[in-house]
Amino acid sequence: MPSQRVADILGVVHYDVKIVDGSRVENTSDEGLSFAAFSLAHAACGDHVLEVRVGERMLLEWCMACAVMEVFGPPER
């Protein structure tokens, strides 16, 4: 009879998250290009990339595998 094992979810679901200050985000004309570069650089990370829409025109990308976070778009005013 196989032994019953329980998955350790506490070690998996704990992340240190810091609030992003949208007022410090620079509005550059290369927003689309920098987003594409981030997406391609972290394409191999697969399900470890989290995308969160912040407002109507801001997107937060977080690669948990690489511990990298970037915000794309102009700051909310």
PDB file of N, CA and C in Angstrom:
ATOM      1  N   MET A   1       0.843  -1.184   0.000  1.00  0.00           N
ATOM      2  CA  MET A   1       0.000   0.000   0.000  1.00  0.00           C
ATOM      3  C   MET A   1       0.887   1.245   0.000  1.00  0.00           C
ATOM      4  N   PRO A   2       0.668   2.173  -0.944  1.00  0.00           N
ATOM      5  CA  PRO A   2       1.507   3.382  -1.009  1.00  0.00           C
ATOM      6  C   PRO A   2       1.265   4.291   0.199  1.00  0.00           C
ATOM      7  N   SER A   3       2.336   4.952   0.621  1.00  0.00           N
ATOM      8  CA  SER A   3       2.205   5.888   1.739  1.00  0.00           C
ATOM      9  C   SER A   3       1.557   7.184   1.269  1.00  0.00           C
ATOM     10  N   GLN A   4       0.810   7.811   2.159  1.00  0.00           N
ATOM     11  CA  GLN A   4       0.150   9.070   1.831  1.00  0.00           C
ATOM     12  C   GLN A   4       1.092  10.212   2.158  1.00  0.00           C
ATOM     13  N   ARG A   5       1.273  11.120   1.201  1.00  0.00           N
ATOM     14  CA  ARG A   5       2.148  12.269   1.394  1.00  0.00           C
ATOM     15  C   ARG A   5       1.369  13.536   1.111  1.00  0.00           C
ATOM     16  N   VAL A   6       1.710  14.586   1.818  1.00  0.00           N
ATOM     17  CA  VAL A   6       1.052  15.874   1.658  1.00  0.00           C
ATOM     18  C   VAL A   6       2.053  16.860   1.064  1.00  0.00           C
ATOM     19  N   ALA A   7       1.626  17.616   0.079  1.00  0.00           N
ATOM     20  CA  ALA A   7       2.497  18.609  -0.548  1.00  0.00           C
ATOM     21  C   ALA A   7       2.767  19.765   0.407  1.00  0.00           C
ATOM     22  N   ASP A   8       3.989  20.272   0.387  1.00  0.00           N
ATOM     23  CA  ASP A   8       4.369  21.423   1.206  1.00  0.00           C
ATOM     24  C   ASP A   8       4.030  22.696   0.441  1.00  0.00           C
ATOM     25  N   ILE A   9       2.826  23.233   0.650  1.00  0.00           N
ATOM     26  CA  ILE A   9       2.421  24.433  -0.081  1.00  0.00           C
ATOM     27  C   ILE A   9       2.897  25.712   0.588  1.00  0.00           C
ATOM     28  N   LEU A  10       3.225  25.671   1.868  1.00  0.00           N
ATOM     29  CA  LEU A  10       3.654  26.890   2.556  1.00  0.00           C
ATOM     30  C   LEU A  10       4.979  27.400   2.003  1.00  0.00           C
ATOM     31  N   GLY A  11       5.878  26.514   1.649  1.00  0.00           N
ATOM     32  CA  GLY A  11       7.156  26.930   1.089  1.00  0.00           C
ATOM     33  C   GLY A  11       7.043  27.409  -0.339  1.00  0.00           C
ATOM     34  N   VAL A  12       5.967  27.070  -1.009  1.00  0.00           N
ATOM     35  CA  VAL A  12       5.801  27.412  -2.415  1.00  0.00           C
ATOM     36  C   VAL A  12       5.039  28.720  -2.604  1.00  0.00           C
ATOM     37  N   VAL A  13       4.066  29.006  -1.771  1.00  0.00           N
ATOM     38  CA  VAL A  13       3.188  30.146  -2.006  1.00  0.00           C
ATOM     39  C   VAL A  13       3.604  31.427  -1.289  1.00  0.00           C
ATOM     40  N   HIS A  14       4.733  31.433  -0.609  1.00  0.00           N
ATOM     41  CA  HIS A  14       5.166  32.637   0.101  1.00  0.00           C
ATOM     42  C   HIS A  14       6.129  33.450  -0.761  1.00  0.00           C
ATOM     43  N   TYR A  15       5.777  34.697  -1.050  1.00  0.00           N
ATOM     44  CA  TYR A  15       6.625  35.593  -1.829  1.00  0.00           C
ATOM     45  C   TYR A  15       6.759  36.913  -1.094  1.00  0.00           C
ATOM     46  N   ASP A  16       7.914  37.526  -1.177  1.00  0.00           N
ATOM     47  CA  ASP A  16       8.101  38.866  -0.632  1.00  0.00           C
ATOM     48  C   ASP A  16       7.718  39.847  -1.727  1.00  0.00           C
ATOM     49  N   VAL A  17       6.642  40.589  -1.529  1.00  0.00           N
ATOM     50  CA  VAL A  17       6.130  41.504  -2.548  1.00  0.00           C
ATOM     51  C   VAL A  17       6.200  42.917  -2.014  1.00  0.00           C
ATOM     52  N   LYS A  18       6.704  43.832  -2.841  1.00  0.00           N
ATOM     53  CA  LYS A  18       6.763  45.243  -2.481  1.00  0.00           C
ATOM     54  C   LYS A  18       5.810  46.016  -3.381  1.00  0.00           C
ATOM     55  N   ILE A  19       5.159  47.022  -2.833  1.00  0.00           N
ATOM     56  CA  ILE A  19       4.245  47.865  -3.591  1.00  0.00           C
ATOM     57  C   ILE A  19       5.056  48.711  -4.584  1.00  0.00           C
ATOM     58  N   VAL A  20       4.586  48.776  -5.813  1.00  0.00           N
ATOM     59  CA  VAL A  20       5.248  49.555  -6.854  1.00  0.00           C
ATOM     60  C   VAL A  20       4.732  50.983  -6.829  1.00  0.00           C
ATOM     61  N   ASP A  21       5.643  51.947  -6.814  1.00  0.00           N
ATOM     62  CA  ASP A  21       5.278  53.362  -6.848  1.00  0.00           C
ATOM     63  C   ASP A  21       5.181  53.789  -8.312  1.00  0.00           C
ATOM     64  N   GLY A  22       3.963  53.934  -8.825  1.00  0.00           N
ATOM     65  CA  GLY A  22       3.748  54.281 -10.226  1.00  0.00           C
ATOM     66  C   GLY A  22       4.228  55.675 -10.595  1.00  0.00           C
ATOM     67  N   SER A  23       4.416  56.567  -9.620  1.00  0.00           N
ATOM     68  CA  SER A  23       4.858  57.927  -9.927  1.00  0.00           C
ATOM     69  C   SER A  23       6.322  57.963 -10.364  1.00  0.00           C
ATOM     70  N   ARG A  24       7.081  56.893 -10.077  1.00  0.00           N
ATOM     71  CA  ARG A  24       8.493  56.881 -10.462  1.00  0.00           C
ATOM     72  C   ARG A  24       8.742  56.226 -11.819  1.00  0.00           C
ATOM     73  N   VAL A  25       7.675  55.781 -12.489  1.00  0.00           N
ATOM     74  CA  VAL A  25       7.823  55.128 -13.779  1.00  0.00           C
ATOM     75  C   VAL A  25       8.000  56.192 -14.854  1.00  0.00           C
ATOM     76  N   GLU A  26       9.038  56.029 -15.653  1.00  0.00           N
ATOM     77  CA  GLU A  26       9.283  56.988 -16.733  1.00  0.00           C
ATOM     78  C   GLU A  26       8.444  56.612 -17.949  1.00  0.00           C
ATOM     79  N   ASN A  27       7.918  57.612 -18.613  1.00  0.00           N
ATOM     80  CA  ASN A  27       7.153  57.389 -19.835  1.00  0.00           C
ATOM     81  C   ASN A  27       8.092  57.562 -21.018  1.00  0.00           C
ATOM     82  N   THR A  28       8.503  56.456 -21.585  1.00  0.00           N
ATOM     83  CA  THR A  28       9.411  56.519 -22.729  1.00  0.00           C
ATOM     84  C   THR A  28       8.662  56.143 -23.995  1.00  0.00           C
ATOM     85  N   SER A  29       9.209  56.529 -25.119  1.00  0.00           N
ATOM     86  CA  SER A  29       8.576  56.191 -26.392  1.00  0.00           C
ATOM     87  C   SER A  29       8.838  54.739 -26.767  1.00  0.00           C
ATOM     88  N   ASP A  30       9.719  54.067 -26.044  1.00  0.00           N
ATOM     89  CA  ASP A  30      10.062  52.679 -26.345  1.00  0.00           C
ATOM     90  C   ASP A  30       9.312  51.687 -25.461  1.00  0.00           C
ATOM     91  N   GLU A  31       8.129  52.084 -24.957  1.00  0.00           N
ATOM     92  CA  GLU A  31       7.368  51.218 -24.052  1.00  0.00           C
ATOM     93  C   GLU A  31       7.068  49.868 -24.671  1.00  0.00           C
ATOM     94  N   GLY A  32       6.566  49.864 -25.892  1.00  0.00           N
ATOM     95  CA  GLY A  32       6.226  48.616 -26.559  1.00  0.00           C
ATOM     96  C   GLY A  32       7.440  47.739 -26.777  1.00  0.00           C
ATOM     97  N   LEU A  33       8.557  48.359 -27.123  1.00  0.00           N
ATOM     98  CA  LEU A  33       9.785  47.604 -27.362  1.00  0.00           C
ATOM     99  C   LEU A  33      10.333  47.018 -26.064  1.00  0.00           C
ATOM    100  N   SER A  34      10.287  47.776 -24.978  1.00  0.00           N
ATOM    101  CA  SER A  34      10.794  47.257 -23.708  1.00  0.00           C
ATOM    102  C   SER A  34       9.900  46.136 -23.177  1.00  0.00           C
ATOM    103  N   PHE A  35       8.584  46.230 -23.416  1.00  0.00           N
ATOM    104  CA  PHE A  35       7.683  45.152 -23.020  1.00  0.00           C
ATOM    105  C   PHE A  35       7.980  43.889 -23.821  1.00  0.00           C
ATOM    106  N   ALA A  36       8.198  44.048 -25.122  1.00  0.00           N
ATOM    107  CA  ALA A  36       8.523  42.904 -25.966  1.00  0.00           C
ATOM    108  C   ALA A  36       9.853  42.275 -25.547  1.00  0.00           C
ATOM    109  N   ALA A  37      10.828  43.110 -25.213  1.00  0.00           N
ATOM    110  CA  ALA A  37      12.128  42.589 -24.775  1.00  0.00           C
ATOM    111  C   ALA A  37      11.987  41.805 -23.468  1.00  0.00           C
ATOM    112  N   PHE A  38      11.205  42.314 -22.530  1.00  0.00           N
ATOM    113  CA  PHE A  38      10.973  41.603 -21.273  1.00  0.00           C
ATOM    114  C   PHE A  38      10.283  40.268 -21.538  1.00  0.00           C
ATOM    115  N   SER A  39       9.258  40.295 -22.371  1.00  0.00           N
ATOM    116  CA  SER A  39       8.503  39.076 -22.670  1.00  0.00           C
ATOM    117  C   SER A  39       9.381  38.021 -23.315  1.00  0.00           C
ATOM    118  N   LEU A  40      10.203  38.416 -24.256  1.00  0.00           N
ATOM    119  CA  LEU A  40      11.089  37.460 -24.926  1.00  0.00           C
ATOM    120  C   LEU A  40      12.186  36.958 -23.987  1.00  0.00           C
ATOM    121  N   ALA A  41      12.714  37.840 -23.159  1.00  0.00           N
ATOM    122  CA  ALA A  41      13.785  37.446 -22.237  1.00  0.00           C
ATOM    123  C   ALA A  41      13.298  36.427 -21.214  1.00  0.00           C
ATOM    124  N   HIS A  42      12.004  36.472 -20.882  1.00  0.00           N
ATOM    125  CA  HIS A  42      11.466  35.590 -19.851  1.00  0.00           C
ATOM    126  C   HIS A  42      10.496  34.553 -20.416  1.00  0.00           C
ATOM    127  N   ALA A  43      10.517  34.358 -21.728  1.00  0.00           N
ATOM    128  CA  ALA A  43       9.617  33.384 -22.358  1.00  0.00           C
ATOM    129  C   ALA A  43       9.878  31.967 -21.851  1.00  0.00           C
ATOM    130  N   ALA A  44      11.119  31.635 -21.592  1.00  0.00           N
ATOM    131  CA  ALA A  44      11.453  30.295 -21.113  1.00  0.00           C
ATOM    132  C   ALA A  44      10.992  30.065 -19.669  1.00  0.00           C
ATOM    133  N   CYS A  45      10.674  31.121 -18.954  1.00  0.00           N
ATOM    134  CA  CYS A  45      10.232  30.994 -17.556  1.00  0.00           C
ATOM    135  C   CYS A  45       8.790  30.500 -17.460  1.00  0.00           C
ATOM    136  N   GLY A  46       8.060  30.578 -18.560  1.00  0.00           N
ATOM    137  CA  GLY A  46       6.713  30.008 -18.651  1.00  0.00           C
ATOM    138  C   GLY A  46       5.742  30.518 -17.609  1.00  0.00           C
ATOM    139  N   ASP A  47       5.210  29.596 -16.807  1.00  0.00           N
ATOM    140  CA  ASP A  47       4.181  29.927 -15.825  1.00  0.00           C
ATOM    141  C   ASP A  47       4.705  30.730 -14.644  1.00  0.00           C
ATOM    142  N   HIS A  48       5.995  30.993 -14.613  1.00  0.00           N
ATOM    143  CA  HIS A  48       6.566  31.779 -13.514  1.00  0.00           C
ATOM    144  C   HIS A  48       6.488  33.280 -13.775  1.00  0.00           C
ATOM    145  N   VAL A  49       5.911  33.683 -14.924  1.00  0.00           N
ATOM    146  CA  VAL A  49       5.746  35.100 -15.243  1.00  0.00           C
ATOM    147  C   VAL A  49       4.306  35.494 -14.950  1.00  0.00           C
ATOM    148  N   LEU A  50       4.160  36.510 -14.105  1.00  0.00           N
ATOM    149  CA  LEU A  50       2.850  37.004 -13.702  1.00  0.00           C
ATOM    150  C   LEU A  50       2.629  38.373 -14.333  1.00  0.00           C
ATOM    151  N   GLU A  51       1.454  38.565 -14.931  1.00  0.00           N
ATOM    152  CA  GLU A  51       1.117  39.837 -15.572  1.00  0.00           C
ATOM    153  C   GLU A  51      -0.096  40.409 -14.858  1.00  0.00           C
ATOM    154  N   VAL A  52       0.025  41.662 -14.411  1.00  0.00           N
ATOM    155  CA  VAL A  52      -1.065  42.311 -13.683  1.00  0.00           C
ATOM    156  C   VAL A  52      -1.335  43.671 -14.314  1.00  0.00           C
ATOM    157  N   ARG A  53      -2.585  43.922 -14.650  1.00  0.00           N
ATOM    158  CA  ARG A  53      -2.968  45.239 -15.174  1.00  0.00           C
ATOM    159  C   ARG A  53      -3.213  46.157 -13.993  1.00  0.00           C
ATOM    160  N   VAL A  54      -2.547  47.321 -14.013  1.00  0.00           N
ATOM    161  CA  VAL A  54      -2.684  48.321 -12.958  1.00  0.00           C
ATOM    162  C   VAL A  54      -3.290  49.563 -13.610  1.00  0.00           C
ATOM    163  N   GLY A  55      -4.570  49.756 -13.442  1.00  0.00           N
ATOM    164  CA  GLY A  55      -5.241  50.870 -14.107  1.00  0.00           C
ATOM    165  C   GLY A  55      -5.489  50.546 -15.571  1.00  0.00           C
ATOM    166  N   GLU A  56      -5.805  51.570 -16.346  1.00  0.00           N
ATOM    167  CA  GLU A  56      -6.129  51.365 -17.758  1.00  0.00           C
ATOM    168  C   GLU A  56      -4.901  51.268 -18.653  1.00  0.00           C
ATOM    169  N   ARG A  57      -3.805  51.940 -18.275  1.00  0.00           N
ATOM    170  CA  ARG A  57      -2.673  52.048 -19.194  1.00  0.00           C
ATOM    171  C   ARG A  57      -1.352  51.570 -18.596  1.00  0.00           C
ATOM    172  N   MET A  58      -1.387  50.819 -17.498  1.00  0.00           N
ATOM    173  CA  MET A  58      -0.155  50.371 -16.862  1.00  0.00           C
ATOM    174  C   MET A  58      -0.203  48.855 -16.680  1.00  0.00           C
ATOM    175  N   LEU A  59       0.935  48.211 -16.937  1.00  0.00           N
ATOM    176  CA  LEU A  59       1.036  46.768 -16.839  1.00  0.00           C
ATOM    177  C   LEU A  59       2.263  46.409 -16.015  1.00  0.00           C
ATOM    178  N   LEU A  60       2.081  45.536 -15.023  1.00  0.00           N
ATOM    179  CA  LEU A  60       3.178  45.080 -14.190  1.00  0.00           C
ATOM    180  C   LEU A  60       3.515  43.654 -14.602  1.00  0.00           C
ATOM    181  N   GLU A  61       4.777  43.402 -14.894  1.00  0.00           N
ATOM    182  CA  GLU A  61       5.255  42.067 -15.258  1.00  0.00           C
ATOM    183  C   GLU A  61       6.223  41.621 -14.182  1.00  0.00           C
ATOM    184  N   TRP A  62       6.011  40.399 -13.644  1.00  0.00           N
ATOM    185  CA  TRP A  62       6.857  39.885 -12.580  1.00  0.00           C
ATOM    186  C   TRP A  62       7.284  38.479 -12.936  1.00  0.00           C
ATOM    187  N   CYS A  63       8.579  38.271 -13.088  1.00  0.00           N
ATOM    188  CA  CYS A  63       9.122  36.940 -13.327  1.00  0.00           C
ATOM    189  C   CYS A  63       9.606  36.403 -11.985  1.00  0.00           C
ATOM    190  N   MET A  64       8.846  35.465 -11.434  1.00  0.00           N
ATOM    191  CA  MET A  64       9.188  34.906 -10.130  1.00  0.00           C
ATOM    192  C   MET A  64      10.428  34.014 -10.202  1.00  0.00           C
ATOM    193  N   ALA A  65      10.671  33.403 -11.350  1.00  0.00           N
ATOM    194  CA  ALA A  65      11.839  32.539 -11.504  1.00  0.00           C
ATOM    195  C   ALA A  65      13.132  33.346 -11.458  1.00  0.00           C
ATOM    196  N   CYS A  66      13.115  34.533 -12.036  1.00  0.00           N
ATOM    197  CA  CYS A  66      14.317  35.380 -12.105  1.00  0.00           C
ATOM    198  C   CYS A  66      14.323  36.482 -11.045  1.00  0.00           C
ATOM    199  N   ALA A  67      13.236  36.632 -10.310  1.00  0.00           N
ATOM    200  CA  ALA A  67      13.087  37.689  -9.303  1.00  0.00           C
ATOM    201  C   ALA A  67      13.245  39.071  -9.926  1.00  0.00           C
ATOM    202  N   VAL A  68      12.551  39.278 -11.059  1.00  0.00           N
ATOM    203  CA  VAL A  68      12.602  40.552 -11.785  1.00  0.00           C
ATOM    204  C   VAL A  68      11.177  41.083 -11.937  1.00  0.00           C
ATOM    205  N   MET A  69      11.007  42.385 -11.692  1.00  0.00           N
ATOM    206  CA  MET A  69       9.701  43.016 -11.849  1.00  0.00           C
ATOM    207  C   MET A  69       9.884  44.316 -12.626  1.00  0.00           C
ATOM    208  N   GLU A  70       9.007  44.524 -13.615  1.00  0.00           N
ATOM    209  CA  GLU A  70       9.021  45.759 -14.395  1.00  0.00           C
ATOM    210  C   GLU A  70       7.607  46.262 -14.571  1.00  0.00           C
ATOM    211  N   VAL A  71       7.465  47.585 -14.674  1.00  0.00           N
ATOM    212  CA  VAL A  71       6.180  48.218 -14.900  1.00  0.00           C
ATOM    213  C   VAL A  71       6.246  48.920 -16.243  1.00  0.00           C
ATOM    214  N   PHE A  72       5.230  48.711 -17.062  1.00  0.00           N
ATOM    215  CA  PHE A  72       5.180  49.302 -18.408  1.00  0.00           C
ATOM    216  C   PHE A  72       3.968  50.219 -18.514  1.00  0.00           C
ATOM    217  N   GLY A  73       4.170  51.381 -19.112  1.00  0.00           N
ATOM    218  CA  GLY A  73       3.094  52.332 -19.303  1.00  0.00           C
ATOM    219  C   GLY A  73       3.310  53.587 -18.508  1.00  0.00           C
ATOM    220  N   PRO A  74       2.536  54.616 -18.811  1.00  0.00           N
ATOM    221  CA  PRO A  74       2.662  55.883 -18.079  1.00  0.00           C
ATOM    222  C   PRO A  74       2.088  55.762 -16.677  1.00  0.00           C
ATOM    223  N   PRO A  75       2.574  56.569 -15.738  1.00  0.00           N
ATOM    224  CA  PRO A  75       2.024  56.528 -14.372  1.00  0.00           C
ATOM    225  C   PRO A  75       0.597  57.077 -14.344  1.00  0.00           C
ATOM    226  N   GLU A  76      -0.208  56.565 -13.413  1.00  0.00           N
ATOM    227  CA  GLU A  76      -1.562  57.094 -13.222  1.00  0.00           C
ATOM    228  C   GLU A  76      -1.473  58.506 -12.677  1.00  0.00           C
ATOM    229  N   ARG A  77      -2.347  59.377 -13.117  1.00  0.00           N
ATOM    230  CA  ARG A  77      -2.346  60.761 -12.616  1.00  0.00           C
ATOM    231  C   ARG A  77      -3.666  61.080 -12.014  1.00  0.00           C
TER     232      ARG A  77
END
